Amino acid sequence: MKNFATDAFFFTRAQQFVVLTARHAIPTPFSRFEFAAAGGLMSYGSNADEYHRLAGVYAGRILKGEKPGDLPIQLPTKFELVINLTMVRALGLTVPATLLARADEVIE
């Protein structure tokens, strides 16, 4: 299995990577929901909306006079598992029922 990075190069080409992994029958987990929504096998990662919200909070604190170097580093606390059953079937895979039950979203 391969996992694609979440930088802008990969993110802006989500559809191309999904098509290539399907064409070559490579089961590929992604770290962003958008890849699974575009037809990828699955994704597991933090929610990008949460990153944006935290950035806004940080910007607000800096604008109120706090020093950026004094602000704590925050890591994501919520991770989401999305499974695309269409791709699971196309690749001839079986996903255990326990994993499907734990998924935050299952795309039919």
N, C-alpha and C. Protein backbone atom coordinates (compact mmCIF):
# COMPACT_ATOMS: atom_id res chain seq x y z
N MET A 1 0.83 -1.18 0.00
CA MET A 1 0.00 0.00 0.00
C MET A 1 0.88 1.25 0.00
N LYS A 2 0.42 2.25 -0.68
CA LYS A 2 1.10 3.55 -0.72
C LYS A 2 0.23 4.56 0.01
N ASN A 3 0.83 5.63 0.47
CA ASN A 3 0.07 6.73 1.06
C ASN A 3 0.60 8.03 0.49
N PHE A 4 -0.28 8.84 -0.05
CA PHE A 4 0.12 10.09 -0.66
C PHE A 4 0.16 11.21 0.36
N ALA A 5 1.15 12.06 0.22
CA ALA A 5 1.29 13.22 1.11
C ALA A 5 0.14 14.19 0.90
N THR A 6 0.00 15.10 1.84
CA THR A 6 -1.12 16.03 1.77
C THR A 6 -0.70 17.41 1.27
N ASP A 7 0.43 17.50 0.58
CA ASP A 7 0.83 18.82 0.09
C ASP A 7 -0.01 19.21 -1.12
N ALA A 8 0.13 20.46 -1.52
CA ALA A 8 -0.70 21.02 -2.59
C ALA A 8 -0.54 20.26 -3.91
N PHE A 9 0.64 19.77 -4.20
CA PHE A 9 0.87 19.04 -5.45
C PHE A 9 -0.07 17.85 -5.55
N PHE A 10 -0.11 17.05 -4.50
CA PHE A 10 -0.95 15.86 -4.51
C PHE A 10 -2.43 16.22 -4.40
N PHE A 11 -2.74 17.17 -3.52
CA PHE A 11 -4.14 17.52 -3.28
C PHE A 11 -4.81 18.05 -4.53
N THR A 12 -4.13 18.87 -5.31
CA THR A 12 -4.74 19.44 -6.52
C THR A 12 -4.86 18.40 -7.64
N ARG A 13 -4.25 17.27 -7.47
CA ARG A 13 -4.31 16.20 -8.47
C ARG A 13 -5.00 14.95 -7.92
N ALA A 14 -5.89 15.14 -6.97
CA ALA A 14 -6.56 14.02 -6.32
C ALA A 14 -7.21 13.08 -7.34
N GLN A 15 -7.96 13.64 -8.27
CA GLN A 15 -8.66 12.81 -9.25
C GLN A 15 -7.67 12.00 -10.09
N GLN A 16 -6.56 12.60 -10.49
CA GLN A 16 -5.56 11.88 -11.29
C GLN A 16 -4.97 10.71 -10.50
N PHE A 17 -4.66 10.92 -9.23
CA PHE A 17 -4.08 9.85 -8.42
C PHE A 17 -5.09 8.74 -8.18
N VAL A 18 -6.34 9.11 -7.97
CA VAL A 18 -7.37 8.09 -7.77
C VAL A 18 -7.52 7.24 -9.03
N VAL A 19 -7.54 7.87 -10.19
CA VAL A 19 -7.66 7.14 -11.46
C VAL A 19 -6.47 6.21 -11.65
N LEU A 20 -5.28 6.70 -11.38
CA LEU A 20 -4.07 5.88 -11.56
C LEU A 20 -4.04 4.69 -10.60
N THR A 21 -4.40 4.91 -9.34
CA THR A 21 -4.38 3.79 -8.39
C THR A 21 -5.42 2.75 -8.76
N ALA A 22 -6.56 3.21 -9.29
CA ALA A 22 -7.60 2.26 -9.72
C ALA A 22 -7.15 1.50 -10.96
N ARG A 23 -6.58 2.22 -11.94
CA ARG A 23 -6.14 1.59 -13.19
C ARG A 23 -5.11 0.50 -12.92
N HIS A 24 -4.22 0.74 -11.98
CA HIS A 24 -3.17 -0.23 -11.70
C HIS A 24 -3.50 -1.12 -10.51
N ALA A 25 -4.73 -1.04 -10.03
CA ALA A 25 -5.24 -1.88 -8.94
C ALA A 25 -4.33 -1.84 -7.72
N ILE A 26 -3.97 -0.63 -7.32
CA ILE A 26 -3.11 -0.44 -6.14
C ILE A 26 -4.00 0.03 -4.98
N PRO A 27 -4.19 -0.81 -3.97
CA PRO A 27 -4.98 -0.36 -2.81
C PRO A 27 -4.23 0.76 -2.10
N THR A 28 -4.82 1.95 -2.09
CA THR A 28 -4.11 3.12 -1.60
C THR A 28 -4.92 3.86 -0.55
N PRO A 29 -4.39 3.95 0.67
CA PRO A 29 -5.04 4.81 1.67
C PRO A 29 -4.55 6.24 1.48
N PHE A 30 -5.44 7.18 1.63
CA PHE A 30 -5.09 8.59 1.53
C PHE A 30 -5.29 9.24 2.89
N SER A 31 -4.71 10.40 3.07
CA SER A 31 -4.84 11.07 4.36
C SER A 31 -5.86 12.20 4.33
N ARG A 32 -6.52 12.42 3.21
CA ARG A 32 -7.53 13.47 3.11
C ARG A 32 -8.83 12.88 2.58
N PHE A 33 -9.92 13.32 3.15
CA PHE A 33 -11.26 12.88 2.76
C PHE A 33 -11.51 13.07 1.27
N GLU A 34 -11.01 14.16 0.72
CA GLU A 34 -11.28 14.49 -0.68
C GLU A 34 -10.83 13.39 -1.64
N PHE A 35 -9.78 12.66 -1.28
CA PHE A 35 -9.30 11.57 -2.14
C PHE A 35 -10.32 10.41 -2.14
N ALA A 36 -10.83 10.07 -0.98
CA ALA A 36 -11.84 9.00 -0.92
C ALA A 36 -13.12 9.43 -1.61
N ALA A 37 -13.50 10.68 -1.45
CA ALA A 37 -14.70 11.20 -2.11
C ALA A 37 -14.55 11.21 -3.63
N ALA A 38 -13.31 11.36 -4.10
CA ALA A 38 -13.04 11.37 -5.54
C ALA A 38 -12.98 9.95 -6.11
N GLY A 39 -13.13 8.95 -5.26
CA GLY A 39 -13.13 7.57 -5.73
C GLY A 39 -12.01 6.72 -5.18
N GLY A 40 -11.17 7.26 -4.31
CA GLY A 40 -10.07 6.51 -3.71
C GLY A 40 -10.58 5.45 -2.76
N LEU A 41 -9.73 4.50 -2.43
CA LEU A 41 -10.12 3.38 -1.58
C LEU A 41 -10.56 3.82 -0.19
N MET A 42 -9.72 4.60 0.47
CA MET A 42 -10.04 5.01 1.83
C MET A 42 -9.18 6.20 2.22
N SER A 43 -9.60 6.87 3.28
CA SER A 43 -8.78 7.95 3.82
C SER A 43 -8.83 7.87 5.34
N TYR A 44 -7.74 8.25 5.94
CA TYR A 44 -7.67 8.34 7.40
C TYR A 44 -6.78 9.52 7.73
N GLY A 45 -7.33 10.51 8.36
CA GLY A 45 -6.55 11.68 8.69
C GLY A 45 -7.37 12.70 9.44
N SER A 46 -6.72 13.78 9.79
CA SER A 46 -7.41 14.83 10.52
C SER A 46 -8.24 15.67 9.55
N ASN A 47 -9.18 16.39 10.10
CA ASN A 47 -10.09 17.21 9.33
C ASN A 47 -9.44 18.54 9.00
N ALA A 48 -9.37 18.90 7.73
CA ALA A 48 -8.74 20.15 7.30
C ALA A 48 -9.48 21.36 7.86
N ASP A 49 -10.79 21.26 8.04
CA ASP A 49 -11.55 22.38 8.61
C ASP A 49 -11.05 22.72 10.01
N GLU A 50 -10.65 21.71 10.75
CA GLU A 50 -10.12 21.94 12.10
C GLU A 50 -8.81 22.73 12.04
N TYR A 51 -7.95 22.40 11.06
CA TYR A 51 -6.70 23.16 10.88
C TYR A 51 -7.00 24.64 10.60
N HIS A 52 -7.97 24.89 9.75
CA HIS A 52 -8.32 26.26 9.40
C HIS A 52 -8.87 27.01 10.61
N ARG A 53 -9.69 26.33 11.39
CA ARG A 53 -10.23 26.95 12.60
C ARG A 53 -9.12 27.31 13.57
N LEU A 54 -8.18 26.39 13.78
CA LEU A 54 -7.06 26.66 14.68
C LEU A 54 -6.19 27.81 14.17
N ALA A 55 -6.00 27.88 12.86
CA ALA A 55 -5.22 28.98 12.28
C ALA A 55 -5.90 30.31 12.58
N GLY A 56 -7.21 30.35 12.49
CA GLY A 56 -7.96 31.57 12.80
C GLY A 56 -7.82 31.95 14.27
N VAL A 57 -7.86 30.96 15.14
CA VAL A 57 -7.68 31.23 16.57
C VAL A 57 -6.28 31.79 16.83
N TYR A 58 -5.29 31.18 16.21
CA TYR A 58 -3.91 31.67 16.37
C TYR A 58 -3.77 33.10 15.85
N ALA A 59 -4.34 33.36 14.68
CA ALA A 59 -4.26 34.71 14.10
C ALA A 59 -4.92 35.72 15.04
N GLY A 60 -6.07 35.35 15.60
CA GLY A 60 -6.74 36.24 16.55
C GLY A 60 -5.90 36.53 17.78
N ARG A 61 -5.25 35.51 18.30
CA ARG A 61 -4.40 35.71 19.48
C ARG A 61 -3.21 36.60 19.17
N ILE A 62 -2.63 36.44 17.98
CA ILE A 62 -1.49 37.27 17.58
C ILE A 62 -1.94 38.71 17.38
N LEU A 63 -3.10 38.90 16.76
CA LEU A 63 -3.62 40.25 16.54
C LEU A 63 -3.95 40.95 17.87
N LYS A 64 -4.22 40.17 18.90
CA LYS A 64 -4.51 40.75 20.22
C LYS A 64 -3.24 41.00 21.01
N GLY A 65 -2.07 40.69 20.40
CA GLY A 65 -0.81 41.05 21.03
C GLY A 65 0.05 39.92 21.55
N GLU A 66 -0.40 38.68 21.46
CA GLU A 66 0.43 37.58 21.93
C GLU A 66 1.57 37.34 20.96
N LYS A 67 2.70 36.90 21.47
CA LYS A 67 3.85 36.62 20.63
C LYS A 67 3.70 35.22 20.03
N PRO A 68 3.91 35.10 18.72
CA PRO A 68 3.76 33.78 18.08
C PRO A 68 4.63 32.70 18.74
N GLY A 69 5.84 33.07 19.17
CA GLY A 69 6.73 32.10 19.80
C GLY A 69 6.23 31.61 21.14
N ASP A 70 5.29 32.33 21.75
CA ASP A 70 4.75 31.92 23.05
C ASP A 70 3.52 31.04 22.93
N LEU A 71 2.98 30.93 21.73
CA LEU A 71 1.78 30.11 21.55
C LEU A 71 2.14 28.62 21.53
N PRO A 72 1.31 27.80 22.15
CA PRO A 72 1.60 26.36 22.16
C PRO A 72 1.37 25.73 20.79
N ILE A 73 2.09 24.67 20.53
CA ILE A 73 1.87 23.89 19.32
C ILE A 73 0.68 22.99 19.58
N GLN A 74 -0.25 22.98 18.64
CA GLN A 74 -1.42 22.14 18.79
C GLN A 74 -1.44 21.10 17.69
N LEU A 75 -1.74 19.89 18.08
CA LEU A 75 -1.85 18.79 17.13
C LEU A 75 -3.31 18.41 16.96
N PRO A 76 -3.66 17.82 15.84
CA PRO A 76 -5.05 17.41 15.66
C PRO A 76 -5.47 16.40 16.72
N THR A 77 -6.72 16.48 17.10
CA THR A 77 -7.23 15.56 18.12
C THR A 77 -8.30 14.62 17.56
N LYS A 78 -8.82 14.94 16.38
CA LYS A 78 -9.85 14.10 15.77
C LYS A 78 -9.38 13.61 14.42
N PHE A 79 -9.49 12.32 14.21
CA PHE A 79 -9.12 11.71 12.94
C PHE A 79 -10.35 10.99 12.39
N GLU A 80 -10.50 11.05 11.08
CA GLU A 80 -11.68 10.47 10.44
C GLU A 80 -11.28 9.36 9.48
N LEU A 81 -12.01 8.26 9.55
CA LEU A 81 -11.82 7.13 8.65
C LEU A 81 -12.98 7.10 7.66
N VAL A 82 -12.65 7.16 6.37
CA VAL A 82 -13.66 7.10 5.30
C VAL A 82 -13.30 5.93 4.39
N ILE A 83 -14.28 5.08 4.12
CA ILE A 83 -14.07 3.91 3.26
C ILE A 83 -14.99 4.02 2.05
N ASN A 84 -14.43 3.84 0.87
CA ASN A 84 -15.20 3.90 -0.38
C ASN A 84 -15.47 2.47 -0.84
N LEU A 85 -16.69 2.01 -0.62
CA LEU A 85 -17.04 0.62 -0.95
C LEU A 85 -17.03 0.34 -2.45
N THR A 86 -17.25 1.36 -3.26
CA THR A 86 -17.20 1.17 -4.71
C THR A 86 -15.80 0.72 -5.12
N MET A 87 -14.78 1.38 -4.56
CA MET A 87 -13.40 1.01 -4.88
C MET A 87 -13.03 -0.31 -4.22
N VAL A 88 -13.54 -0.57 -3.04
CA VAL A 88 -13.28 -1.86 -2.38
C VAL A 88 -13.73 -2.99 -3.30
N ARG A 89 -14.93 -2.86 -3.84
CA ARG A 89 -15.45 -3.90 -4.74
C ARG A 89 -14.66 -3.97 -6.04
N ALA A 90 -14.30 -2.81 -6.58
CA ALA A 90 -13.56 -2.77 -7.85
C ALA A 90 -12.20 -3.46 -7.72
N LEU A 91 -11.59 -3.36 -6.54
CA LEU A 91 -10.29 -3.99 -6.32
C LEU A 91 -10.42 -5.44 -5.85
N GLY A 92 -11.65 -5.89 -5.63
CA GLY A 92 -11.87 -7.26 -5.18
C GLY A 92 -11.45 -7.49 -3.75
N LEU A 93 -11.54 -6.45 -2.93
CA LEU A 93 -11.13 -6.56 -1.54
C LEU A 93 -12.33 -6.82 -0.63
N THR A 94 -12.04 -7.24 0.57
CA THR A 94 -13.07 -7.42 1.59
C THR A 94 -12.68 -6.58 2.79
N VAL A 95 -13.61 -5.80 3.28
CA VAL A 95 -13.36 -4.98 4.46
C VAL A 95 -14.10 -5.64 5.63
N PRO A 96 -13.39 -5.93 6.71
CA PRO A 96 -14.05 -6.55 7.86
C PRO A 96 -15.19 -5.67 8.38
N ALA A 97 -16.24 -6.31 8.83
CA ALA A 97 -17.41 -5.59 9.34
C ALA A 97 -17.03 -4.69 10.51
N THR A 98 -16.06 -5.11 11.31
CA THR A 98 -15.65 -4.29 12.45
C THR A 98 -15.02 -2.98 12.00
N LEU A 99 -14.28 -3.01 10.89
CA LEU A 99 -13.67 -1.79 10.36
C LEU A 99 -14.74 -0.88 9.76
N LEU A 100 -15.70 -1.46 9.06
CA LEU A 100 -16.81 -0.67 8.51
C LEU A 100 -17.60 0.00 9.63
N ALA A 101 -17.79 -0.72 10.74
CA ALA A 101 -18.53 -0.16 11.86
C ALA A 101 -17.79 1.01 12.51
N ARG A 102 -16.47 0.98 12.46
CA ARG A 102 -15.67 2.04 13.08
C ARG A 102 -15.49 3.26 12.16
N ALA A 103 -15.81 3.10 10.88
CA ALA A 103 -15.62 4.19 9.93
C ALA A 103 -16.54 5.36 10.26
N ASP A 104 -16.01 6.57 10.08
CA ASP A 104 -16.83 7.76 10.27
C ASP A 104 -17.78 7.95 9.11
N GLU A 105 -17.37 7.49 7.94
CA GLU A 105 -18.22 7.59 6.76
C GLU A 105 -17.90 6.43 5.82
N VAL A 106 -18.94 5.86 5.25
CA VAL A 106 -18.79 4.80 4.25
C VAL A 106 -19.47 5.30 2.97
N ILE A 107 -18.70 5.39 1.90
CA ILE A 107 -19.21 5.86 0.62
C ILE A 107 -19.65 4.65 -0.18
N GLU A 108 -20.90 4.64 -0.59
CA GLU A 108 -21.46 3.49 -1.33
C GLU A 108 -21.18 3.63 -2.81
